[in-house]
Structure formats: structure tokens, C-alpha cells
Amino acid sequence: MMSEDSSAVGTDKRPPMLEESDYESWKIRIER
């Protein structure tokens, strides 16, 4: 429940400073 919440918030309100490539690698790290 907690991980789903944080992931949803991170995807919905991700900082604009994050680049697409950085976001992709960050997402992959969390999924692993």
C-alpha cells in the first residue's frame, strides 16, 4: 500500500528538474 502510494505520487508529481532519462533509470531501479 505504501509503495503504491509513493510510486503514484512520484509519477503524478515528479519534479520538473528530473530528465526523462534520469526518470526512466530511477523507475527501473524501483521496479527491480
Protein backbone atom coordinates (compact mmCIF):
# COMPACT_ATOMS: atom_id res chain seq x y z
CA MET A 1 0.00 0.00 0.00
CA MET A 2 2.75 2.42 0.94
CA SER A 3 4.91 1.65 -2.10
CA GLU A 4 1.91 2.09 -4.40
CA ASP A 5 1.14 5.46 -2.86
CA SER A 6 4.71 6.76 -3.16
CA SER A 7 5.01 5.46 -6.73
CA ALA A 8 1.71 7.09 -7.70
CA VAL A 9 2.73 10.42 -6.17
CA GLY A 10 6.18 10.26 -7.74
CA THR A 11 4.70 9.61 -11.17
CA ASP A 12 1.97 12.23 -10.85
CA LYS A 13 4.06 14.95 -9.21
CA ARG A 14 7.58 14.23 -10.37
CA PRO A 15 9.99 17.21 -10.14
CA PRO A 16 10.43 19.05 -13.48
CA MET A 17 14.19 19.11 -12.84
CA LEU A 18 14.28 15.35 -13.47
CA GLU A 19 15.24 14.49 -17.02
CA GLU A 20 13.40 11.78 -18.95
CA SER A 21 16.49 9.54 -18.98
CA ASP A 22 17.04 10.05 -15.25
CA TYR A 23 13.38 9.34 -14.56
CA GLU A 24 13.49 6.14 -16.62
CA SER A 25 16.61 4.82 -14.83
CA TRP A 26 15.08 5.84 -11.48
CA LYS A 27 11.86 4.00 -12.28
CA ILE A 28 13.77 0.89 -13.38
CA ARG A 29 15.72 0.89 -10.10
CA ILE A 30 12.50 0.96 -8.09
CA GLU A 31 10.89 -1.82 -10.15
CA ARG A 32 13.93 -4.08 -9.60
